[in-house]
């Protein structure tokens, strides 16, 4: 059973759909914007099962780390971010998280 209300998924989808190219945000920032700051893990789970047409590549962990569960693993996540103009280092972390962070 989910610990979030039934509208939570829709709120997450709406935020991810609005994310501009060249910007990223974190699972926790999305959760907080949806009114459940403690639900970063739930946002990650939604990312795994959510609509494939949303720019999930623009969501990273709070340190700027990439998701091993992304299609193609961390390398696939890195490639998708590179297509958005977001540099990622060899350890699969966004090079400058603050520079690219989307201020919702």
PDB file of N, CA and C in Angstrom:
ATOM      1  N   UNK A   1       0.844  -1.177   0.000  1.00  0.00           N
ATOM      2  CA  UNK A   1       0.000   0.000   0.000  1.00  0.00           C
ATOM      3  C   UNK A   1       0.892   1.243   0.000  1.00  0.00           C
ATOM      4  N   UNK A   2       0.557   2.215  -0.810  1.00  0.00           N
ATOM      5  CA  UNK A   2       1.324   3.441  -0.926  1.00  0.00           C
ATOM      6  C   UNK A   2       1.118   4.341   0.290  1.00  0.00           C
ATOM      7  N   UNK A   3       2.166   5.052   0.657  1.00  0.00           N
ATOM      8  CA  UNK A   3       2.079   5.990   1.772  1.00  0.00           C
ATOM      9  C   UNK A   3       1.667   7.383   1.303  1.00  0.00           C
ATOM     10  N   UNK A   4       1.434   7.566   0.018  1.00  0.00           N
ATOM     11  CA  UNK A   4       1.054   8.868  -0.525  1.00  0.00           C
ATOM     12  C   UNK A   4      -0.376   8.819  -1.029  1.00  0.00           C
ATOM     13  N   UNK A   5      -0.996  10.008  -1.149  1.00  0.00           N
ATOM     14  CA  UNK A   5      -2.390  10.031  -1.591  1.00  0.00           C
ATOM     15  C   UNK A   5      -2.504   9.705  -3.076  1.00  0.00           C
ATOM     16  N   UNK A   6      -3.705   9.455  -3.531  1.00  0.00           N
ATOM     17  CA  UNK A   6      -3.935   8.990  -4.899  1.00  0.00           C
ATOM     18  C   UNK A   6      -3.589  10.026  -5.956  1.00  0.00           C
ATOM     19  N   UNK A   7      -3.520  11.294  -5.588  1.00  0.00           N
ATOM     20  CA  UNK A   7      -3.168  12.338  -6.554  1.00  0.00           C
ATOM     21  C   UNK A   7      -1.661  12.514  -6.703  1.00  0.00           C
ATOM     22  N   UNK A   8      -0.892  11.859  -5.855  1.00  0.00           N
ATOM     23  CA  UNK A   8       0.556  12.051  -5.840  1.00  0.00           C
ATOM     24  C   UNK A   8       1.182  11.736  -7.199  1.00  0.00           C
ATOM     25  N   UNK A   9       0.850  10.592  -7.781  1.00  0.00           N
ATOM     26  CA  UNK A   9       1.418  10.226  -9.085  1.00  0.00           C
ATOM     27  C   UNK A   9       1.139  11.304 -10.118  1.00  0.00           C
ATOM     28  N   UNK A  10      -0.088  11.785 -10.172  1.00  0.00           N
ATOM     29  CA  UNK A  10      -0.447  12.804 -11.153  1.00  0.00           C
ATOM     30  C   UNK A  10       0.354  14.084 -10.944  1.00  0.00           C
ATOM     31  N   UNK A  11       0.575  14.449  -9.690  1.00  0.00           N
ATOM     32  CA  UNK A  11       1.378  15.643  -9.390  1.00  0.00           C
ATOM     33  C   UNK A  11       2.816  15.448  -9.870  1.00  0.00           C
ATOM     34  N   UNK A  12       3.373  14.263  -9.626  1.00  0.00           N
ATOM     35  CA  UNK A  12       4.736  13.958 -10.077  1.00  0.00           C
ATOM     36  C   UNK A  12       4.802  14.049 -11.598  1.00  0.00           C
ATOM     37  N   UNK A  13       3.858  13.426 -12.282  1.00  0.00           N
ATOM     38  CA  UNK A  13       3.856  13.466 -13.753  1.00  0.00           C
ATOM     39  C   UNK A  13       3.804  14.892 -14.264  1.00  0.00           C
ATOM     40  N   UNK A  14       2.975  15.728 -13.642  1.00  0.00           N
ATOM     41  CA  UNK A  14       2.816  17.112 -14.092  1.00  0.00           C
ATOM     42  C   UNK A  14       4.123  17.882 -13.943  1.00  0.00           C
ATOM     43  N   UNK A  15       4.823  17.685 -12.833  1.00  0.00           N
ATOM     44  CA  UNK A  15       6.091  18.371 -12.613  1.00  0.00           C
ATOM     45  C   UNK A  15       7.138  17.901 -13.619  1.00  0.00           C
ATOM     46  N   UNK A  16       7.276  16.600 -13.783  1.00  0.00           N
ATOM     47  CA  UNK A  16       8.278  16.065 -14.706  1.00  0.00           C
ATOM     48  C   UNK A  16       7.979  16.522 -16.135  1.00  0.00           C
ATOM     49  N   UNK A  17       6.726  16.578 -16.512  1.00  0.00           N
ATOM     50  CA  UNK A  17       6.351  17.019 -17.860  1.00  0.00           C
ATOM     51  C   UNK A  17       6.756  18.471 -18.116  1.00  0.00           C
ATOM     52  N   UNK A  18       6.795  19.299 -17.077  1.00  0.00           N
ATOM     53  CA  UNK A  18       7.130  20.717 -17.232  1.00  0.00           C
ATOM     54  C   UNK A  18       8.626  21.005 -17.190  1.00  0.00           C
ATOM     55  N   UNK A  19       9.426  20.022 -16.844  1.00  0.00           N
ATOM     56  CA  UNK A  19      10.865  20.270 -16.700  1.00  0.00           C
ATOM     57  C   UNK A  19      11.492  20.655 -18.026  1.00  0.00           C
ATOM     58  N   UNK A  20      12.180  21.796 -18.047  1.00  0.00           N
ATOM     59  CA  UNK A  20      12.793  22.234 -19.310  1.00  0.00           C
ATOM     60  C   UNK A  20      14.070  21.467 -19.649  1.00  0.00           C
ATOM     61  N   UNK A  21      14.325  21.354 -20.923  1.00  0.00           N
ATOM     62  CA  UNK A  21      15.568  20.746 -21.387  1.00  0.00           C
ATOM     63  C   UNK A  21      16.732  21.571 -20.850  1.00  0.00           C
ATOM     64  N   UNK A  22      17.784  20.887 -20.455  1.00  0.00           N
ATOM     65  CA  UNK A  22      18.958  21.566 -19.933  1.00  0.00           C
ATOM     66  C   UNK A  22      18.901  21.819 -18.440  1.00  0.00           C
ATOM     67  N   UNK A  23      17.863  21.310 -17.792  1.00  0.00           N
ATOM     68  CA  UNK A  23      17.705  21.450 -16.341  1.00  0.00           C
ATOM     69  C   UNK A  23      17.431  20.081 -15.734  1.00  0.00           C
ATOM     70  N   UNK A  24      17.767  19.952 -14.449  1.00  0.00           N
ATOM     71  CA  UNK A  24      17.499  18.723 -13.705  1.00  0.00           C
ATOM     72  C   UNK A  24      16.835  19.086 -12.388  1.00  0.00           C
ATOM     73  N   UNK A  25      16.284  18.094 -11.737  1.00  0.00           N
ATOM     74  CA  UNK A  25      15.816  18.236 -10.361  1.00  0.00           C
ATOM     75  C   UNK A  25      16.039  16.909  -9.655  1.00  0.00           C
ATOM     76  N   UNK A  26      15.692  16.860  -8.388  1.00  0.00           N
ATOM     77  CA  UNK A  26      15.917  15.648  -7.602  1.00  0.00           C
ATOM     78  C   UNK A  26      14.592  14.991  -7.233  1.00  0.00           C
ATOM     79  N   UNK A  27      14.687  13.735  -6.889  1.00  0.00           N
ATOM     80  CA  UNK A  27      13.505  13.002  -6.433  1.00  0.00           C
ATOM     81  C   UNK A  27      12.887  13.704  -5.229  1.00  0.00           C
ATOM     82  N   UNK A  28      13.744  14.132  -4.306  1.00  0.00           N
ATOM     83  CA  UNK A  28      13.270  14.794  -3.103  1.00  0.00           C
ATOM     84  C   UNK A  28      12.615  16.134  -3.364  1.00  0.00           C
ATOM     85  N   UNK A  29      13.150  16.903  -4.310  1.00  0.00           N
ATOM     86  CA  UNK A  29      12.553  18.200  -4.639  1.00  0.00           C
ATOM     87  C   UNK A  29      11.163  18.011  -5.239  1.00  0.00           C
ATOM     88  N   UNK A  30      11.009  16.990  -6.071  1.00  0.00           N
ATOM     89  CA  UNK A  30       9.688  16.707  -6.636  1.00  0.00           C
ATOM     90  C   UNK A  30       8.731  16.300  -5.524  1.00  0.00           C
ATOM     91  N   UNK A  31       9.182  15.418  -4.646  1.00  0.00           N
ATOM     92  CA  UNK A  31       8.331  14.977  -3.533  1.00  0.00           C
ATOM     93  C   UNK A  31       7.889  16.166  -2.690  1.00  0.00           C
ATOM     94  N   UNK A  32       8.822  17.050  -2.368  1.00  0.00           N
ATOM     95  CA  UNK A  32       8.493  18.224  -1.556  1.00  0.00           C
ATOM     96  C   UNK A  32       7.486  19.116  -2.270  1.00  0.00           C
ATOM     97  N   UNK A  33       7.669  19.322  -3.560  1.00  0.00           N
ATOM     98  CA  UNK A  33       6.745  20.159  -4.330  1.00  0.00           C
ATOM     99  C   UNK A  33       5.342  19.543  -4.347  1.00  0.00           C
ATOM    100  N   UNK A  34       5.271  18.237  -4.247  1.00  0.00           N
ATOM    101  CA  UNK A  34       3.979  17.532  -4.216  1.00  0.00           C
ATOM    102  C   UNK A  34       3.386  17.469  -2.810  1.00  0.00           C
ATOM    103  N   UNK A  35       4.056  18.068  -1.840  1.00  0.00           N
ATOM    104  CA  UNK A  35       3.532  18.105  -0.475  1.00  0.00           C
ATOM    105  C   UNK A  35       3.906  16.928   0.390  1.00  0.00           C
ATOM    106  N   UNK A  36       4.875  16.136  -0.032  1.00  0.00           N
ATOM    107  CA  UNK A  36       5.303  14.966   0.741  1.00  0.00           C
ATOM    108  C   UNK A  36       6.830  14.874   0.697  1.00  0.00           C
ATOM    109  N   UNK A  37       7.495  15.800   1.380  1.00  0.00           N
ATOM    110  CA  UNK A  37       8.958  15.899   1.319  1.00  0.00           C
ATOM    111  C   UNK A  37       9.665  14.589   1.652  1.00  0.00           C
ATOM    112  N   UNK A  38       9.043  13.731   2.425  1.00  0.00           N
ATOM    113  CA  UNK A  38       9.626  12.452   2.830  1.00  0.00           C
ATOM    114  C   UNK A  38       9.544  11.379   1.738  1.00  0.00           C
ATOM    115  N   UNK A  39       8.890  11.675   0.606  1.00  0.00           N
ATOM    116  CA  UNK A  39       8.541  10.649  -0.384  1.00  0.00           C
ATOM    117  C   UNK A  39       9.475  10.576  -1.594  1.00  0.00           C
ATOM    118  N   UNK A  40      10.753  10.895  -1.412  1.00  0.00           N
ATOM    119  CA  UNK A  40      11.693  10.812  -2.534  1.00  0.00           C
ATOM    120  C   UNK A  40      11.743   9.398  -3.111  1.00  0.00           C
ATOM    121  N   UNK A  41      11.749   8.394  -2.247  1.00  0.00           N
ATOM    122  CA  UNK A  41      11.794   7.003  -2.712  1.00  0.00           C
ATOM    123  C   UNK A  41      10.587   6.706  -3.594  1.00  0.00           C
ATOM    124  N   UNK A  42       9.418   7.184  -3.187  1.00  0.00           N
ATOM    125  CA  UNK A  42       8.196   6.951  -3.970  1.00  0.00           C
ATOM    126  C   UNK A  42       8.298   7.594  -5.343  1.00  0.00           C
ATOM    127  N   UNK A  43       8.902   8.780  -5.410  1.00  0.00           N
ATOM    128  CA  UNK A  43       9.094   9.432  -6.720  1.00  0.00           C
ATOM    129  C   UNK A  43       9.976   8.554  -7.598  1.00  0.00           C
ATOM    130  N   UNK A  44      11.010   7.969  -7.025  1.00  0.00           N
ATOM    131  CA  UNK A  44      11.868   7.059  -7.788  1.00  0.00           C
ATOM    132  C   UNK A  44      11.109   5.861  -8.318  1.00  0.00           C
ATOM    133  N   UNK A  45      10.232   5.315  -7.515  1.00  0.00           N
ATOM    134  CA  UNK A  45       9.421   4.181  -7.962  1.00  0.00           C
ATOM    135  C   UNK A  45       8.469   4.590  -9.086  1.00  0.00           C
ATOM    136  N   UNK A  46       7.901   5.774  -8.960  1.00  0.00           N
ATOM    137  CA  UNK A  46       7.012   6.291 -10.010  1.00  0.00           C
ATOM    138  C   UNK A  46       7.794   6.466 -11.305  1.00  0.00           C
ATOM    139  N   UNK A  47       9.033   6.913 -11.204  1.00  0.00           N
ATOM    140  CA  UNK A  47       9.868   7.096 -12.397  1.00  0.00           C
ATOM    141  C   UNK A  47      10.074   5.780 -13.142  1.00  0.00           C
ATOM    142  N   UNK A  48      10.164   4.677 -12.398  1.00  0.00           N
ATOM    143  CA  UNK A  48      10.372   3.368 -13.034  1.00  0.00           C
ATOM    144  C   UNK A  48       9.142   2.872 -13.785  1.00  0.00           C
ATOM    145  N   UNK A  49       7.965   3.309 -13.365  1.00  0.00           N
ATOM    146  CA  UNK A  49       6.737   2.778 -13.958  1.00  0.00           C
ATOM    147  C   UNK A  49       5.904   3.839 -14.672  1.00  0.00           C
ATOM    148  N   UNK A  50       6.351   5.085 -14.617  1.00  0.00           N
ATOM    149  CA  UNK A  50       5.573   6.182 -15.195  1.00  0.00           C
ATOM    150  C   UNK A  50       5.634   6.215 -16.712  1.00  0.00           C
ATOM    151  N   UNK A  51       4.875   7.131 -17.304  1.00  0.00           N
ATOM    152  CA  UNK A  51       4.830   7.241 -18.770  1.00  0.00           C
ATOM    153  C   UNK A  51       6.223   7.442 -19.366  1.00  0.00           C
ATOM    154  N   UNK A  52       6.543   6.638 -20.358  1.00  0.00           N
ATOM    155  CA  UNK A  52       7.868   6.686 -20.983  1.00  0.00           C
ATOM    156  C   UNK A  52       8.104   7.977 -21.757  1.00  0.00           C
ATOM    157  N   UNK A  53       7.053   8.704 -22.085  1.00  0.00           N
ATOM    158  CA  UNK A  53       7.226   9.924 -22.872  1.00  0.00           C
ATOM    159  C   UNK A  53       7.608  11.136 -22.019  1.00  0.00           C
ATOM    160  N   UNK A  54       7.725  10.958 -20.709  1.00  0.00           N
ATOM    161  CA  UNK A  54       8.143  12.060 -19.841  1.00  0.00           C
ATOM    162  C   UNK A  54       9.667  12.083 -19.723  1.00  0.00           C
ATOM    163  N   UNK A  55      10.265  13.251 -19.489  1.00  0.00           N
ATOM    164  CA  UNK A  55      11.731  13.359 -19.435  1.00  0.00           C
ATOM    165  C   UNK A  55      12.320  12.924 -18.087  1.00  0.00           C
ATOM    166  N   UNK A  56      12.177  11.651 -17.769  1.00  0.00           N
ATOM    167  CA  UNK A  56      12.665  11.116 -16.492  1.00  0.00           C
ATOM    168  C   UNK A  56      14.172  11.266 -16.353  1.00  0.00           C
ATOM    169  N   UNK A  57      14.903  11.391 -17.468  1.00  0.00           N
ATOM    170  CA  UNK A  57      16.351  11.540 -17.389  1.00  0.00           C
ATOM    171  C   UNK A  57      16.743  12.798 -16.620  1.00  0.00           C
ATOM    172  N   UNK A  58      15.843  13.742 -16.493  1.00  0.00           N
ATOM    173  CA  UNK A  58      16.137  15.007 -15.812  1.00  0.00           C
ATOM    174  C   UNK A  58      15.964  14.926 -14.298  1.00  0.00           C
ATOM    175  N   UNK A  59      15.719  13.734 -13.785  1.00  0.00           N
ATOM    176  CA  UNK A  59      15.558  13.533 -12.344  1.00  0.00           C
ATOM    177  C   UNK A  59      16.743  12.706 -11.833  1.00  0.00           C
ATOM    178  N   UNK A  60      17.424  13.238 -10.806  1.00  0.00           N
ATOM    179  CA  UNK A  60      18.607  12.588 -10.245  1.00  0.00           C
ATOM    180  C   UNK A  60      18.477  12.542  -8.719  1.00  0.00           C
ATOM    181  N   UNK A  61      19.407  11.877  -8.060  1.00  0.00           N
ATOM    182  CA  UNK A  61      19.339  11.862  -6.595  1.00  0.00           C
ATOM    183  C   UNK A  61      19.873  13.173  -6.030  1.00  0.00           C
ATOM    184  N   UNK A  62      19.783  13.345  -4.724  1.00  0.00           N
ATOM    185  CA  UNK A  62      20.105  14.636  -4.111  1.00  0.00           C
ATOM    186  C   UNK A  62      21.571  15.036  -4.248  1.00  0.00           C
ATOM    187  N   UNK A  63      22.448  14.085  -4.534  1.00  0.00           N
ATOM    188  CA  UNK A  63      23.855  14.405  -4.785  1.00  0.00           C
ATOM    189  C   UNK A  63      24.156  14.590  -6.275  1.00  0.00           C
ATOM    190  N   UNK A  64      23.139  14.442  -7.113  1.00  0.00           N
ATOM    191  CA  UNK A  64      23.354  14.540  -8.556  1.00  0.00           C
ATOM    192  C   UNK A  64      23.697  13.211  -9.193  1.00  0.00           C
ATOM    193  N   UNK A  65      23.548  12.132  -8.435  1.00  0.00           N
ATOM    194  CA  UNK A  65      23.860  10.801  -8.944  1.00  0.00           C
ATOM    195  C   UNK A  65      22.782  10.259  -9.865  1.00  0.00           C
ATOM    196  N   UNK A  66      23.211   9.442 -10.807  1.00  0.00           N
ATOM    197  CA  UNK A  66      22.295   8.868 -11.788  1.00  0.00           C
ATOM    198  C   UNK A  66      21.688   7.569 -11.289  1.00  0.00           C
ATOM    199  N   UNK A  67      20.608   7.160 -11.957  1.00  0.00           N
ATOM    200  CA  UNK A  67      19.841   5.980 -11.535  1.00  0.00           C
ATOM    201  C   UNK A  67      20.314   4.724 -12.247  1.00  0.00           C
ATOM    202  N   UNK A  68      20.652   3.705 -11.460  1.00  0.00           N
ATOM    203  CA  UNK A  68      21.031   2.426 -12.062  1.00  0.00           C
ATOM    204  C   UNK A  68      19.828   1.741 -12.692  1.00  0.00           C
ATOM    205  N   UNK A  69      18.613   2.096 -12.256  1.00  0.00           N
ATOM    206  CA  UNK A  69      17.400   1.507 -12.811  1.00  0.00           C
ATOM    207  C   UNK A  69      16.902   2.184 -14.077  1.00  0.00           C
ATOM    208  N   UNK A  70      17.589   3.220 -14.531  1.00  0.00           N
ATOM    209  CA  UNK A  70      17.217   3.891 -15.780  1.00  0.00           C
ATOM    210  C   UNK A  70      17.449   2.920 -16.936  1.00  0.00           C
ATOM    211  N   UNK A  71      16.630   2.981 -18.008  1.00  0.00           N
ATOM    212  CA  UNK A  71      16.888   2.102 -19.157  1.00  0.00           C
ATOM    213  C   UNK A  71      18.332   2.264 -19.655  1.00  0.00           C
ATOM    214  N   UNK A  72      19.056   1.165 -19.687  1.00  0.00           N
ATOM    215  CA  UNK A  72      20.465   1.210 -20.055  1.00  0.00           C
ATOM    216  C   UNK A  72      21.373   1.477 -18.870  1.00  0.00           C
ATOM    217  N   UNK A  73      20.787   1.499 -17.661  1.00  0.00           N
ATOM    218  CA  UNK A  73      21.561   1.728 -16.449  1.00  0.00           C
ATOM    219  C   UNK A  73      22.089   3.149 -16.364  1.00  0.00           C
ATOM    220  N   UNK A  74      23.109   3.323 -15.541  1.00  0.00           N
ATOM    221  CA  UNK A  74      23.679   4.655 -15.354  1.00  0.00           C
ATOM    222  C   UNK A  74      24.271   5.191 -16.661  1.00  0.00           C
ATOM    223  N   UNK A  75      24.824   4.303 -17.487  1.00  0.00           N
ATOM    224  CA  UNK A  75      25.377   4.739 -18.776  1.00  0.00           C
ATOM    225  C   UNK A  75      24.269   5.277 -19.678  1.00  0.00           C
ATOM    226  N   UNK A  76      23.116   4.626 -19.669  1.00  0.00           N
ATOM    227  CA  UNK A  76      21.977   5.110 -20.452  1.00  0.00           C
ATOM    228  C   UNK A  76      21.472   6.444 -19.932  1.00  0.00           C
ATOM    229  N   UNK A  77      21.448   6.598 -18.612  1.00  0.00           N
ATOM    230  CA  UNK A  77      21.021   7.851 -17.989  1.00  0.00           C
ATOM    231  C   UNK A  77      22.001   8.966 -18.374  1.00  0.00           C
ATOM    232  N   UNK A  78      23.295   8.667 -18.333  1.00  0.00           N
ATOM    233  CA  UNK A  78      24.327   9.633 -18.711  1.00  0.00           C
ATOM    234  C   UNK A  78      24.160  10.072 -20.160  1.00  0.00           C
ATOM    235  N   UNK A  79      23.911   9.124 -21.039  1.00  0.00           N
ATOM    236  CA  UNK A  79      23.724   9.431 -22.457  1.00  0.00           C
ATOM    237  C   UNK A  79      22.500  10.331 -22.662  1.00  0.00           C
ATOM    238  N   UNK A  80      21.408  10.039 -21.970  1.00  0.00           N
ATOM    239  CA  UNK A  80      20.190  10.847 -22.106  1.00  0.00           C
ATOM    240  C   UNK A  80      20.415  12.263 -21.577  1.00  0.00           C
ATOM    241  N   UNK A  81      21.155  12.397 -20.484  1.00  0.00           N
ATOM    242  CA  UNK A  81      21.448  13.731 -19.962  1.00  0.00           C
ATOM    243  C   UNK A  81      22.379  14.493 -20.899  1.00  0.00           C
ATOM    244  N   UNK A  82      23.336  13.799 -21.492  1.00  0.00           N
ATOM    245  CA  UNK A  82      24.234  14.450 -22.447  1.00  0.00           C
ATOM    246  C   UNK A  82      23.439  15.035 -23.619  1.00  0.00           C
ATOM    247  N   UNK A  83      22.409  14.327 -24.049  1.00  0.00           N
ATOM    248  CA  UNK A  83      21.558  14.829 -25.125  1.00  0.00           C
ATOM    249  C   UNK A  83      20.804  16.089 -24.708  1.00  0.00           C
ATOM    250  N   UNK A  84      20.624  16.263 -23.408  1.00  0.00           N
ATOM    251  CA  UNK A  84      19.984  17.462 -22.854  1.00  0.00           C
ATOM    252  C   UNK A  84      20.995  18.565 -22.544  1.00  0.00           C
ATOM    253  N   UNK A  85      22.287  18.288 -22.765  1.00  0.00           N
ATOM    254  CA  UNK A  85      23.319  19.277 -22.488  1.00  0.00           C
ATOM    255  C   UNK A  85      23.785  19.314 -21.049  1.00  0.00           C
ATOM    256  N   UNK A  86      23.528  18.238 -20.295  1.00  0.00           N
ATOM    257  CA  UNK A  86      23.908  18.158 -18.889  1.00  0.00           C
ATOM    258  C   UNK A  86      25.173  17.298 -18.775  1.00  0.00           C
ATOM    259  N   UNK A  87      26.307  17.877 -18.364  1.00  0.00           N
ATOM    260  CA  UNK A  87      27.530  17.084 -18.236  1.00  0.00           C
ATOM    261  C   UNK A  87      27.506  16.183 -16.999  1.00  0.00           C
ATOM    262  N   UNK A  88      28.001  14.967 -17.185  1.00  0.00           N
ATOM    263  CA  UNK A  88      28.064  13.955 -16.123  1.00  0.00           C
ATOM    264  C   UNK A  88      29.494  13.429 -16.082  1.00  0.00           C
ATOM    265  N   UNK A  89      30.033  13.256 -14.879  1.00  0.00           N
ATOM    266  CA  UNK A  89      31.408  12.780 -14.752  1.00  0.00           C
ATOM    267  C   UNK A  89      31.493  11.258 -14.903  1.00  0.00           C
ATOM    268  N   UNK A  90      32.715  10.751 -14.823  1.00  0.00           N
ATOM    269  CA  UNK A  90      32.948   9.314 -15.008  1.00  0.00           C
ATOM    270  C   UNK A  90      32.379   8.463 -13.880  1.00  0.00           C
ATOM    271  N   UNK A  91      32.044   9.098 -12.752  1.00  0.00           N
ATOM    272  CA  UNK A  91      31.429   8.388 -11.627  1.00  0.00           C
ATOM    273  C   UNK A  91      29.904   8.472 -11.676  1.00  0.00           C
ATOM    274  N   UNK A  92      29.366   8.954 -12.795  1.00  0.00           N
ATOM    275  CA  UNK A  92      27.924   9.052 -13.029  1.00  0.00           C
ATOM    276  C   UNK A  92      27.234  10.037 -12.082  1.00  0.00           C
ATOM    277  N   UNK A  93      27.868  11.190 -11.904  1.00  0.00           N
ATOM    278  CA  UNK A  93      27.283  12.289 -11.140  1.00  0.00           C
ATOM    279  C   UNK A  93      27.236  13.530 -12.026  1.00  0.00           C
ATOM    280  N   UNK A  94      26.164  14.305 -11.907  1.00  0.00           N
ATOM    281  CA  UNK A  94      26.076  15.564 -12.638  1.00  0.00           C
ATOM    282  C   UNK A  94      27.245  16.429 -12.182  1.00  0.00           C
ATOM    283  N   UNK A  95      27.967  17.025 -13.143  1.00  0.00           N
ATOM    284  CA  UNK A  95      29.181  17.764 -12.844  1.00  0.00           C
ATOM    285  C   UNK A  95      28.907  18.973 -11.940  1.00  0.00           C
ATOM    286  N   UNK A  96      27.878  19.735 -12.207  1.00  0.00           N
ATOM    287  CA  UNK A  96      27.586  20.930 -11.409  1.00  0.00           C
ATOM    288  C   UNK A  96      26.091  20.970 -11.116  1.00  0.00           C
ATOM    289  N   UNK A  97      25.687  20.278 -10.073  1.00  0.00           N
ATOM    290  CA  UNK A  97      24.269  20.142  -9.733  1.00  0.00           C
ATOM    291  C   UNK A  97      23.592  21.496  -9.591  1.00  0.00           C
ATOM    292  N   UNK A  98      24.202  22.416  -8.861  1.00  0.00           N
ATOM    293  CA  UNK A  98      23.572  23.724  -8.626  1.00  0.00           C
ATOM    294  C   UNK A  98      23.362  24.505  -9.917  1.00  0.00           C
ATOM    295  N   UNK A  99      24.302  24.415 -10.831  1.00  0.00           N
ATOM    296  CA  UNK A  99      24.199  25.152 -12.099  1.00  0.00           C
ATOM    297  C   UNK A  99      22.987  24.703 -12.911  1.00  0.00           C
ATOM    298  N   UNK A 100      22.704  23.418 -12.915  1.00  0.00           N
ATOM    299  CA  UNK A 100      21.657  22.870 -13.764  1.00  0.00           C
ATOM    300  C   UNK A 100      20.329  22.627 -13.043  1.00  0.00           C
ATOM    301  N   UNK A 101      20.317  22.862 -11.725  1.00  0.00           N
ATOM    302  CA  UNK A 101      19.124  22.596 -10.935  1.00  0.00           C
ATOM    303  C   UNK A 101      17.969  23.517 -11.349  1.00  0.00           C
ATOM    304  N   UNK A 102      16.848  22.910 -11.623  1.00  0.00           N
ATOM    305  CA  UNK A 102      15.643  23.647 -12.015  1.00  0.00           C
ATOM    306  C   UNK A 102      14.954  24.173 -10.771  1.00  0.00           C
ATOM    307  N   UNK A 103      14.746  25.461 -10.734  1.00  0.00           N
ATOM    308  CA  UNK A 103      14.047  26.093  -9.614  1.00  0.00           C
ATOM    309  C   UNK A 103      12.562  26.087  -9.935  1.00  0.00           C
ATOM    310  N   UNK A 104      11.851  25.130  -9.353  1.00  0.00           N
ATOM    311  CA  UNK A 104      10.422  24.959  -9.641  1.00  0.00           C
ATOM    312  C   UNK A 104       9.596  26.127  -9.159  1.00  0.00           C
TER     313      UNK A 104
END
